[in-house]
Every structure is written in structure tokens, then in C-alpha cells.
């Protein structure tokens, strides 16, 4: 007895759908390679960040932050003024700030936006109003 043959029919627009799927998959960002020890994204500057920042604190403290170049420069200045961070030579500081602003920038923040007041417990109250007794 012969096995039944399956008839494959093309769905209308099937080629278009396949092309769209290929385009979406090709445009999906590749997951960046990370250093297994520090968790830092491996890209130009990561070793400088690992060597300088990891001396005083966990690299997780670095990767949990998000900001642009001004944020990272300000954070370095704050650490220098209050936490005894040593002076970083300009080429090194520039490399660190560039790496952090590129790979740990504010647009990559993974948290949801704050809920509007109407969705908070109590509904119509604003954030500054106290709940009625």
C-alpha cells in the first residue's frame, strides 16, 4: 500500500509573509557577548571599565545604572569628590565614558514608565493627595 501524498498549497501572500519574517529576524538585535566574570558587554572599552570600576565595587553596580555621557562623567566627578576615586587620565576617562554611554545608556533602561495616578490604588487621587479616612 502506498503512503498518501500530502498536497502542499501556497497560501496567498505566502512569499510576502516569508520575506517579512526573514526581514524581522535579520533586523533583530544580536545578543551582545558579555564577560562571564563581570557581566559587562564585550565591546571596545569594556576591559578599562572592568579594571577601573571593579576595584572599588561590584560590576553589577555599574550595569544597573543607565545614562548618557554627561551622567557618567558626573558620576565619575562625584566619586572623585566624595569617594576618593583617583584622577583618570583623559584618554582612559574618555574611553570609559564612551563605553558606558554607548552600552549602558538611558534608552536601554528596562523598567516600565511610572503608572499614571488614575491607575494607582484610590483611582482619582493624585500622587500628592492623602487617602480619606
C-alpha atoms as a PDB file:
ATOM      1  CA  UNK A   1       0.000   0.000   0.000  1.00  0.00           C
ATOM      2  CA  UNK A   2       1.319   3.363  -0.992  1.00  0.00           C
ATOM      3  CA  UNK A   3       1.528   6.207   1.562  1.00  0.00           C
ATOM      4  CA  UNK A   4      -0.817   9.088   0.782  1.00  0.00           C
ATOM      5  CA  UNK A   5       0.874  12.078  -0.706  1.00  0.00           C
ATOM      6  CA  UNK A   6       0.375  15.375   1.044  1.00  0.00           C
ATOM      7  CA  UNK A   7      -0.557  18.176  -1.237  1.00  0.00           C
ATOM      8  CA  UNK A   8       1.068  21.456  -0.241  1.00  0.00           C
ATOM      9  CA  UNK A   9      -0.758  24.517  -1.400  1.00  0.00           C
ATOM     10  CA  UNK A  10       0.614  28.005  -1.344  1.00  0.00           C
ATOM     11  CA  UNK A  11      -1.349  30.454   0.665  1.00  0.00           C
ATOM     12  CA  UNK A  12      -1.976  33.803  -0.999  1.00  0.00           C
ATOM     13  CA  UNK A  13       0.780  36.186   0.050  1.00  0.00           C
ATOM     14  CA  UNK A  14       2.894  33.349   1.430  1.00  0.00           C
ATOM     15  CA  UNK A  15       6.036  34.640  -0.250  1.00  0.00           C
ATOM     16  CA  UNK A  16       5.403  38.078   1.194  1.00  0.00           C
ATOM     17  CA  UNK A  17       4.945  36.619   4.670  1.00  0.00           C
ATOM     18  CA  UNK A  18       8.151  34.608   4.374  1.00  0.00           C
ATOM     19  CA  UNK A  19      10.060  37.686   3.223  1.00  0.00           C
ATOM     20  CA  UNK A  20       8.679  39.707   6.142  1.00  0.00           C
ATOM     21  CA  UNK A  21       9.723  37.035   8.639  1.00  0.00           C
ATOM     22  CA  UNK A  22      13.231  36.912   7.211  1.00  0.00           C
ATOM     23  CA  UNK A  23      13.479  40.717   7.385  1.00  0.00           C
ATOM     24  CA  UNK A  24      12.303  40.798  11.004  1.00  0.00           C
ATOM     25  CA  UNK A  25      14.732  38.093  12.053  1.00  0.00           C
ATOM     26  CA  UNK A  26      17.610  39.804  10.243  1.00  0.00           C
ATOM     27  CA  UNK A  27      16.861  43.144  11.896  1.00  0.00           C
ATOM     28  CA  UNK A  28      16.539  41.703  15.409  1.00  0.00           C
ATOM     29  CA  UNK A  29      19.471  42.850  17.518  1.00  0.00           C
ATOM     30  CA  UNK A  30      22.003  40.150  18.232  1.00  0.00           C
ATOM     31  CA  UNK A  31      22.534  39.469  21.881  1.00  0.00           C
ATOM     32  CA  UNK A  32      25.807  41.110  22.844  1.00  0.00           C
ATOM     33  CA  UNK A  33      28.564  38.900  24.172  1.00  0.00           C
ATOM     34  CA  UNK A  34      29.224  39.527  27.854  1.00  0.00           C
ATOM     35  CA  UNK A  35      32.186  38.823  30.060  1.00  0.00           C
ATOM     36  CA  UNK A  36      31.155  35.905  32.299  1.00  0.00           C
ATOM     37  CA  UNK A  37      33.122  37.253  35.258  1.00  0.00           C
ATOM     38  CA  UNK A  38      31.891  40.873  35.273  1.00  0.00           C
ATOM     39  CA  UNK A  39      28.702  40.751  33.206  1.00  0.00           C
ATOM     40  CA  UNK A  40      29.952  43.698  31.132  1.00  0.00           C
ATOM     41  CA  UNK A  41      29.166  43.793  27.432  1.00  0.00           C
ATOM     42  CA  UNK A  42      32.303  42.952  25.483  1.00  0.00           C
ATOM     43  CA  UNK A  43      32.938  45.961  23.270  1.00  0.00           C
ATOM     44  CA  UNK A  44      35.757  48.497  22.936  1.00  0.00           C
ATOM     45  CA  UNK A  45      36.381  49.928  26.414  1.00  0.00           C
ATOM     46  CA  UNK A  46      34.952  47.078  28.477  1.00  0.00           C
ATOM     47  CA  UNK A  47      38.325  45.995  29.843  1.00  0.00           C
ATOM     48  CA  UNK A  48      39.073  49.545  31.042  1.00  0.00           C
ATOM     49  CA  UNK A  49      35.716  49.646  32.846  1.00  0.00           C
ATOM     50  CA  UNK A  50      36.343  46.228  34.347  1.00  0.00           C
ATOM     51  CA  UNK A  51      39.801  47.223  35.573  1.00  0.00           C
ATOM     52  CA  UNK A  52      38.892  50.677  36.941  1.00  0.00           C
ATOM     53  CA  UNK A  53      35.352  50.289  38.279  1.00  0.00           C
ATOM     54  CA  UNK A  54      35.757  46.792  39.700  1.00  0.00           C
ATOM     55  CA  UNK A  55      38.492  47.911  42.090  1.00  0.00           C
ATOM     56  CA  UNK A  56      36.007  49.575  44.436  1.00  0.00           C
ATOM     57  CA  UNK A  57      32.645  47.952  43.803  1.00  0.00           C
ATOM     58  CA  UNK A  58      30.760  45.191  42.032  1.00  0.00           C
ATOM     59  CA  UNK A  59      30.341  45.422  38.287  1.00  0.00           C
ATOM     60  CA  UNK A  60      26.634  44.835  38.883  1.00  0.00           C
ATOM     61  CA  UNK A  61      26.502  48.315  40.364  1.00  0.00           C
ATOM     62  CA  UNK A  62      27.792  49.620  37.028  1.00  0.00           C
ATOM     63  CA  UNK A  63      25.479  47.552  34.837  1.00  0.00           C
ATOM     64  CA  UNK A  64      22.437  48.549  36.915  1.00  0.00           C
ATOM     65  CA  UNK A  65      22.940  52.247  36.048  1.00  0.00           C
ATOM     66  CA  UNK A  66      21.802  53.986  32.862  1.00  0.00           C
ATOM     67  CA  UNK A  67      22.790  57.371  31.490  1.00  0.00           C
ATOM     68  CA  UNK A  68      24.297  59.463  28.746  1.00  0.00           C
ATOM     69  CA  UNK A  69      27.893  60.745  28.649  1.00  0.00           C
ATOM     70  CA  UNK A  70      27.034  63.685  30.923  1.00  0.00           C
ATOM     71  CA  UNK A  71      25.547  61.298  33.513  1.00  0.00           C
ATOM     72  CA  UNK A  72      28.604  59.027  33.526  1.00  0.00           C
ATOM     73  CA  UNK A  73      31.038  61.974  33.634  1.00  0.00           C
ATOM     74  CA  UNK A  74      29.073  63.481  36.528  1.00  0.00           C
ATOM     75  CA  UNK A  75      29.136  60.170  38.362  1.00  0.00           C
ATOM     76  CA  UNK A  76      32.909  59.962  37.937  1.00  0.00           C
ATOM     77  CA  UNK A  77      33.268  63.531  39.275  1.00  0.00           C
ATOM     78  CA  UNK A  78      31.037  62.671  42.249  1.00  0.00           C
ATOM     79  CA  UNK A  79      33.129  59.580  43.028  1.00  0.00           C
ATOM     80  CA  UNK A  80      36.309  61.655  42.757  1.00  0.00           C
ATOM     81  CA  UNK A  81      34.917  64.351  45.082  1.00  0.00           C
ATOM     82  CA  UNK A  82      33.308  62.101  47.697  1.00  0.00           C
ATOM     83  CA  UNK A  83      34.592  58.531  47.329  1.00  0.00           C
ATOM     84  CA  UNK A  84      38.334  59.071  46.784  1.00  0.00           C
ATOM     85  CA  UNK A  85      38.322  57.919  43.175  1.00  0.00           C
ATOM     86  CA  UNK A  86      41.719  58.676  41.680  1.00  0.00           C
ATOM     87  CA  UNK A  87      42.205  61.046  38.747  1.00  0.00           C
ATOM     88  CA  UNK A  88      41.720  59.221  35.471  1.00  0.00           C
ATOM     89  CA  UNK A  89      43.962  60.279  32.578  1.00  0.00           C
ATOM     90  CA  UNK A  90      41.861  61.869  29.800  1.00  0.00           C
ATOM     91  CA  UNK A  91      42.246  59.110  27.204  1.00  0.00           C
ATOM     92  CA  UNK A  92      41.221  56.497  29.800  1.00  0.00           C
ATOM     93  CA  UNK A  93      38.294  58.519  31.167  1.00  0.00           C
ATOM     94  CA  UNK A  94      37.067  59.226  27.644  1.00  0.00           C
ATOM     95  CA  UNK A  95      37.215  55.519  26.782  1.00  0.00           C
ATOM     96  CA  UNK A  96      35.272  54.600  29.934  1.00  0.00           C
ATOM     97  CA  UNK A  97      32.606  57.285  29.466  1.00  0.00           C
ATOM     98  CA  UNK A  98      32.193  56.422  25.777  1.00  0.00           C
ATOM     99  CA  UNK A  99      31.777  52.710  26.564  1.00  0.00           C
ATOM    100  CA  UNK A 100      29.270  53.323  29.376  1.00  0.00           C
ATOM    101  CA  UNK A 101      27.228  55.912  27.441  1.00  0.00           C
ATOM    102  CA  UNK A 102      27.055  53.550  24.472  1.00  0.00           C
ATOM    103  CA  UNK A 103      26.253  50.278  26.220  1.00  0.00           C
ATOM    104  CA  UNK A 104      24.537  51.417  29.427  1.00  0.00           C
ATOM    105  CA  UNK A 105      22.627  54.431  28.145  1.00  0.00           C
ATOM    106  CA  UNK A 106      19.285  55.753  29.242  1.00  0.00           C
ATOM    107  CA  UNK A 107      17.479  54.418  26.174  1.00  0.00           C
ATOM    108  CA  UNK A 108      18.290  50.855  27.191  1.00  0.00           C
ATOM    109  CA  UNK A 109      16.589  51.162  30.567  1.00  0.00           C
ATOM    110  CA  UNK A 110      14.453  48.105  31.109  1.00  0.00           C
ATOM    111  CA  UNK A 111      11.896  49.468  33.543  1.00  0.00           C
ATOM    112  CA  UNK A 112       8.349  50.364  32.655  1.00  0.00           C
ATOM    113  CA  UNK A 113       7.207  54.003  32.825  1.00  0.00           C
ATOM    114  CA  UNK A 114       5.624  55.211  36.055  1.00  0.00           C
ATOM    115  CA  UNK A 115       1.889  54.461  36.317  1.00  0.00           C
ATOM    116  CA  UNK A 116      -0.485  57.387  35.895  1.00  0.00           C
ATOM    117  CA  UNK A 117      -2.273  58.415  39.117  1.00  0.00           C
ATOM    118  CA  UNK A 118      -5.606  57.095  37.858  1.00  0.00           C
ATOM    119  CA  UNK A 119      -4.183  53.579  37.859  1.00  0.00           C
ATOM    120  CA  UNK A 120      -2.823  53.776  41.404  1.00  0.00           C
ATOM    121  CA  UNK A 121      -4.837  52.485  44.375  1.00  0.00           C
ATOM    122  CA  UNK A 122      -7.504  55.054  45.134  1.00  0.00           C
ATOM    123  CA  UNK A 123      -8.125  55.853  41.487  1.00  0.00           C
ATOM    124  CA  UNK A 124      -8.755  59.559  41.025  1.00  0.00           C
ATOM    125  CA  UNK A 125      -6.374  60.826  43.710  1.00  0.00           C
ATOM    126  CA  UNK A 126      -3.178  62.464  42.592  1.00  0.00           C
ATOM    127  CA  UNK A 127       0.184  61.389  43.957  1.00  0.00           C
ATOM    128  CA  UNK A 128       0.265  64.279  46.472  1.00  0.00           C
ATOM    129  CA  UNK A 129      -3.226  63.722  47.941  1.00  0.00           C
ATOM    130  CA  UNK A 130      -3.705  61.728  51.092  1.00  0.00           C
ATOM    131  CA  UNK A 131      -6.272  58.954  51.266  1.00  0.00           C
ATOM    132  CA  UNK A 132      -9.543  59.826  53.006  1.00  0.00           C
ATOM    133  CA  UNK A 133     -10.002  58.145  56.429  1.00  0.00           C
END
